[in-house]
């Protein structure tokens, strides 16, 4: 369900009042006070325009393209509004909703780097069973996964990048069976990797999607070496991505 349909679904009469609201306050969102009523009138006890109250109106206005000019004015109002932690947080969430920018911010915006591990050969310390091979963590398909045997530590999985790259980040997309304590290791051995160097160590991980940046390292092999499971099961990754550049 897209964000406009979602707003219509959850907001109900709140969204339906926007036409009246924008007619009354067409000049500027600042005219919406915290006593604003759903029928488009202003309560006599209205005091001031707070982002906690106004931002949802601006966000919900995206349900109709005819509100665009008012939304533009609202956006300028929102980005300049500064009140306090709670109100500013609510304001920011509304701005994220309007813009659709749910990516993780970086200095250069969303990453355009290619996943060096996608489609590459993988090896693992163990498998839960057929269908959970190491290659599943490197196939680019978030619906498949690698899973190790249950109730055993340590466990590991690595990817063979095929040649040496300068790598600086990995991304782990954990299934419910996540690693609580683990290391990211690299090797530049020419054959089967034996010599590993730690580049990152995680303690008390929570699972989910973890993006891990570190100082650039030359590597042909990249390994997740798990030393403590987060559950009674094993370790399981939907995707194990590696980012870097050619040497």
Protein backbone atom coordinates (compact mmCIF):
# COMPACT_ATOMS: atom_id res chain seq x y z
CA UNK A 1 0.00 0.00 0.00
CA UNK A 2 1.56 3.35 -1.01
CA UNK A 3 1.81 6.26 1.40
CA UNK A 4 -1.14 8.17 -0.08
CA UNK A 5 -3.49 5.18 0.15
CA UNK A 6 -2.18 4.45 3.66
CA UNK A 7 -2.98 7.99 4.76
CA UNK A 8 -6.49 7.72 3.36
CA UNK A 9 -6.99 4.39 5.07
CA UNK A 10 -5.81 5.35 8.56
CA UNK A 11 -6.84 8.97 8.69
CA UNK A 12 -10.52 8.67 7.76
CA UNK A 13 -12.38 11.86 8.56
CA UNK A 14 -9.09 13.61 9.31
CA UNK A 15 -8.15 13.49 5.63
CA UNK A 16 -11.68 14.36 4.51
CA UNK A 17 -11.53 17.65 6.42
CA UNK A 18 -8.56 18.91 4.43
CA UNK A 19 -10.58 20.66 1.76
CA UNK A 20 -12.32 22.79 4.37
CA UNK A 21 -9.08 23.27 6.25
CA UNK A 22 -7.10 24.45 3.27
CA UNK A 23 -9.87 26.80 2.20
CA UNK A 24 -9.91 28.47 5.60
CA UNK A 25 -6.12 28.53 5.89
CA UNK A 26 -5.06 28.69 2.25
CA UNK A 27 -2.66 31.59 2.84
CA UNK A 28 -0.30 29.83 5.26
CA UNK A 29 -0.17 26.71 7.49
CA UNK A 30 0.71 28.98 10.38
CA UNK A 31 -2.99 29.91 10.45
CA UNK A 32 -3.81 26.41 11.73
CA UNK A 33 -3.86 26.66 15.52
CA UNK A 34 -3.90 23.89 18.09
CA UNK A 35 -7.65 24.49 18.52
CA UNK A 36 -8.45 23.90 14.86
CA UNK A 37 -11.57 21.77 14.35
CA UNK A 38 -12.24 19.07 11.79
CA UNK A 39 -15.05 21.13 10.21
CA UNK A 40 -12.54 23.83 9.19
CA UNK A 41 -13.32 26.32 11.96
CA UNK A 42 -11.00 27.56 14.69
CA UNK A 43 -11.82 27.18 18.35
CA UNK A 44 -11.86 30.47 20.22
CA UNK A 45 -9.37 28.96 22.67
CA UNK A 46 -6.80 28.26 19.94
CA UNK A 47 -3.40 29.51 20.97
CA UNK A 48 -0.56 28.91 18.51
CA UNK A 49 0.60 26.77 15.57
CA UNK A 50 2.60 23.87 16.99
CA UNK A 51 4.27 21.32 14.73
CA UNK A 52 2.73 18.41 16.65
CA UNK A 53 -0.69 19.64 15.53
CA UNK A 54 0.05 21.26 12.15
CA UNK A 55 2.51 18.76 10.60
CA UNK A 56 -0.06 15.93 10.27
CA UNK A 57 -2.36 18.26 8.32
CA UNK A 58 0.46 19.06 5.90
CA UNK A 59 1.40 15.40 5.56
CA UNK A 60 -2.20 14.32 5.00
CA UNK A 61 -2.59 16.98 2.31
CA UNK A 62 -0.49 14.80 0.01
CA UNK A 63 -3.62 12.72 -0.65
CA UNK A 64 -4.69 15.24 -3.30
CA UNK A 65 -2.49 16.95 -5.90
CA UNK A 66 -4.71 20.04 -5.79
CA UNK A 67 -3.15 20.82 -2.40
CA UNK A 68 0.36 21.15 -3.88
CA UNK A 69 0.80 24.90 -3.39
CA UNK A 70 -0.35 24.61 0.21
CA UNK A 71 1.97 21.64 0.77
CA UNK A 72 4.89 23.67 -0.59
CA UNK A 73 4.13 26.43 1.88
CA UNK A 74 3.78 23.81 4.59
CA UNK A 75 7.14 22.28 3.77
CA UNK A 76 8.85 25.66 4.16
CA UNK A 77 7.00 26.14 7.46
CA UNK A 78 8.02 22.70 8.74
CA UNK A 79 11.71 22.96 7.87
CA UNK A 80 11.99 26.28 9.72
CA UNK A 81 9.94 25.24 12.76
CA UNK A 82 11.95 24.64 15.95
CA UNK A 83 10.20 24.06 19.26
CA UNK A 84 11.47 21.19 21.37
CA UNK A 85 12.51 17.54 21.23
CA UNK A 86 9.02 16.02 21.07
CA UNK A 87 7.54 18.50 18.62
CA UNK A 88 10.65 18.58 16.43
CA UNK A 89 10.75 14.77 16.28
CA UNK A 90 7.10 14.66 15.22
CA UNK A 91 7.80 17.35 12.63
CA UNK A 92 10.76 15.38 11.24
CA UNK A 93 8.70 12.19 10.94
CA UNK A 94 6.06 14.08 8.98
CA UNK A 95 8.75 15.50 6.67
CA UNK A 96 10.12 12.00 6.10
CA UNK A 97 6.63 10.79 5.23
CA UNK A 98 6.09 13.61 2.74
CA UNK A 99 9.48 13.25 1.07
CA UNK A 100 9.58 9.44 1.08
CA UNK A 101 13.22 9.57 2.20
CA UNK A 102 13.34 6.44 4.34
CA UNK A 103 16.90 5.56 3.29
CA UNK A 104 19.70 5.79 5.82
CA UNK A 105 21.32 9.23 5.39
CA UNK A 106 24.95 9.41 4.28
CA UNK A 107 27.11 12.35 3.29
CA UNK A 108 26.37 11.68 -0.38
CA UNK A 109 22.74 10.54 -0.10
CA UNK A 110 21.63 6.96 -0.85
CA UNK A 111 24.47 4.64 -1.75
CA UNK A 112 24.93 3.83 -5.42
CA UNK A 113 27.68 1.29 -4.76
CA UNK A 114 27.33 -2.21 -6.13
CA UNK A 115 27.28 -5.21 -3.81
CA UNK A 116 30.59 -6.95 -4.54
CA UNK A 117 29.38 -10.20 -2.94
CA UNK A 118 26.26 -10.62 -5.07
CA UNK A 119 26.39 -13.83 -7.06
CA UNK A 120 29.79 -14.82 -5.66
CA UNK A 121 30.71 -18.18 -4.15
CA UNK A 122 30.27 -18.67 -0.43
CA UNK A 123 31.31 -21.18 2.22
CA UNK A 124 29.96 -21.80 5.70
CA UNK A 125 30.91 -23.76 8.80
CA UNK A 126 27.60 -25.69 8.75
CA UNK A 127 24.11 -25.80 7.28
CA UNK A 128 20.76 -26.26 8.94
CA UNK A 129 19.74 -28.38 5.98
CA UNK A 130 19.03 -28.42 2.27
CA UNK A 131 17.91 -25.05 0.96
CA UNK A 132 19.99 -23.08 3.48
CA UNK A 133 23.34 -23.14 1.68
CA UNK A 134 25.92 -20.37 2.07
CA UNK A 135 25.22 -19.21 -1.49
CA UNK A 136 21.74 -18.10 -0.40
CA UNK A 137 23.27 -15.20 1.52
CA UNK A 138 24.92 -13.91 -1.65
CA UNK A 139 22.18 -14.44 -4.26
CA UNK A 140 20.61 -10.97 -3.98
CA UNK A 141 17.26 -12.51 -3.04
CA UNK A 142 16.00 -11.32 0.38
CA UNK A 143 13.54 -14.21 0.57
CA UNK A 144 16.27 -16.89 0.71
CA UNK A 145 18.77 -17.37 3.51
CA UNK A 146 21.77 -19.21 4.86
CA UNK A 147 21.23 -20.94 8.20
CA UNK A 148 23.75 -22.78 10.36
CA UNK A 149 23.16 -25.75 12.60
CA UNK A 150 21.28 -24.91 15.76
CA UNK A 151 22.73 -24.58 19.27
CA UNK A 152 26.37 -24.42 18.19
CA UNK A 153 29.04 -21.72 18.58
CA UNK A 154 31.16 -20.60 16.87
CA UNK A 155 29.77 -20.55 13.32
CA UNK A 156 30.95 -18.65 10.25
CA UNK A 157 30.17 -17.79 6.66
CA UNK A 158 32.43 -16.16 4.08
CA UNK A 159 32.30 -14.97 0.49
CA UNK A 160 34.98 -15.35 -2.18
CA UNK A 161 34.99 -12.07 -4.11
CA UNK A 162 37.05 -13.65 -6.88
CA UNK A 163 39.84 -11.07 -6.69
CA UNK A 164 41.21 -8.50 -4.29
CA UNK A 165 39.15 -5.38 -3.63
CA UNK A 166 39.54 -2.46 -1.26
CA UNK A 167 36.49 -2.95 0.94
CA UNK A 168 35.10 -0.57 3.55
CA UNK A 169 31.60 -1.77 4.47
CA UNK A 170 29.44 -4.84 4.90
CA UNK A 171 25.69 -5.11 5.35
CA UNK A 172 24.13 -7.99 7.25
CA UNK A 173 20.42 -8.73 6.93
CA UNK A 174 19.66 -11.14 9.76
CA UNK A 175 16.79 -13.56 10.00
CA UNK A 176 15.31 -14.00 13.50
CA UNK A 177 18.30 -16.24 14.34
CA UNK A 178 20.86 -13.45 14.60
CA UNK A 179 24.39 -13.11 15.90
CA UNK A 180 24.69 -11.36 19.26
CA UNK A 181 28.50 -11.38 19.30
CA UNK A 182 30.46 -11.69 16.07
CA UNK A 183 33.43 -10.41 14.09
CA UNK A 184 33.87 -9.28 10.52
CA UNK A 185 37.12 -10.66 9.18
CA UNK A 186 39.02 -10.39 5.91
CA UNK A 187 41.64 -12.49 4.16
CA UNK A 188 43.77 -11.95 1.09
CA UNK A 189 45.06 -15.50 0.85
CA UNK A 190 45.51 -16.82 -2.68
CA UNK A 191 43.90 -20.20 -2.04
CA UNK A 192 41.44 -21.41 0.58
CA UNK A 193 41.62 -18.72 3.27
CA UNK A 194 43.53 -19.56 6.43
CA UNK A 195 44.81 -16.21 7.65
CA UNK A 196 42.08 -13.87 8.86
CA UNK A 197 42.27 -10.28 10.11
CA UNK A 198 39.58 -8.77 12.33
CA UNK A 199 38.21 -5.47 11.00
CA UNK A 200 35.14 -5.17 13.23
CA UNK A 201 33.82 -6.70 16.43
CA UNK A 202 30.19 -6.63 17.56
CA UNK A 203 28.96 -7.15 21.11
CA UNK A 204 25.30 -7.38 22.16
CA UNK A 205 23.94 -7.13 18.64
CA UNK A 206 20.17 -6.90 18.16
CA UNK A 207 19.81 -8.41 14.69
CA UNK A 208 17.79 -6.80 11.91
CA UNK A 209 19.75 -5.01 9.21
CA UNK A 210 23.22 -3.88 10.26
CA UNK A 211 25.46 -1.67 8.13
CA UNK A 212 29.05 -1.87 9.29
CA UNK A 213 31.67 0.60 8.09
CA UNK A 214 35.40 0.30 8.78
CA UNK A 215 38.74 1.55 7.48
CA UNK A 216 39.39 0.32 3.93
CA UNK A 217 40.99 -3.13 3.78
CA UNK A 218 42.38 -5.19 0.90
CA UNK A 219 40.43 -8.43 0.79
CA UNK A 220 39.46 -11.31 -1.44
CA UNK A 221 37.51 -13.12 1.27
CA UNK A 222 35.14 -11.56 3.80
CA UNK A 223 33.79 -13.52 6.75
CA UNK A 224 31.20 -13.18 9.49
CA UNK A 225 32.56 -15.15 12.45
CA UNK A 226 29.85 -15.64 15.08
CA UNK A 227 30.84 -16.38 18.67
CA UNK A 228 27.51 -16.00 20.48
CA UNK A 229 23.99 -16.53 19.13
CA UNK A 230 21.17 -14.15 19.89
CA UNK A 231 18.67 -17.02 20.17
CA UNK A 232 18.68 -20.72 20.98
CA UNK A 233 18.81 -21.44 17.23
CA UNK A 234 21.80 -21.00 14.96
CA UNK A 235 22.90 -18.09 12.77
CA UNK A 236 20.89 -17.10 9.72
CA UNK A 237 21.42 -14.36 7.13
CA UNK A 238 19.08 -13.34 4.33
CA UNK A 239 21.84 -11.29 2.75
CA UNK A 240 25.54 -10.65 3.38
CA UNK A 241 26.62 -7.68 1.26
CA UNK A 242 30.11 -6.29 0.74
CA UNK A 243 31.01 -2.82 -0.55
CA UNK A 244 34.26 -1.36 -1.82
CA UNK A 245 36.19 -0.58 -4.96
CA UNK A 246 38.66 -2.10 -7.39
CA UNK A 247 42.32 -2.09 -6.47
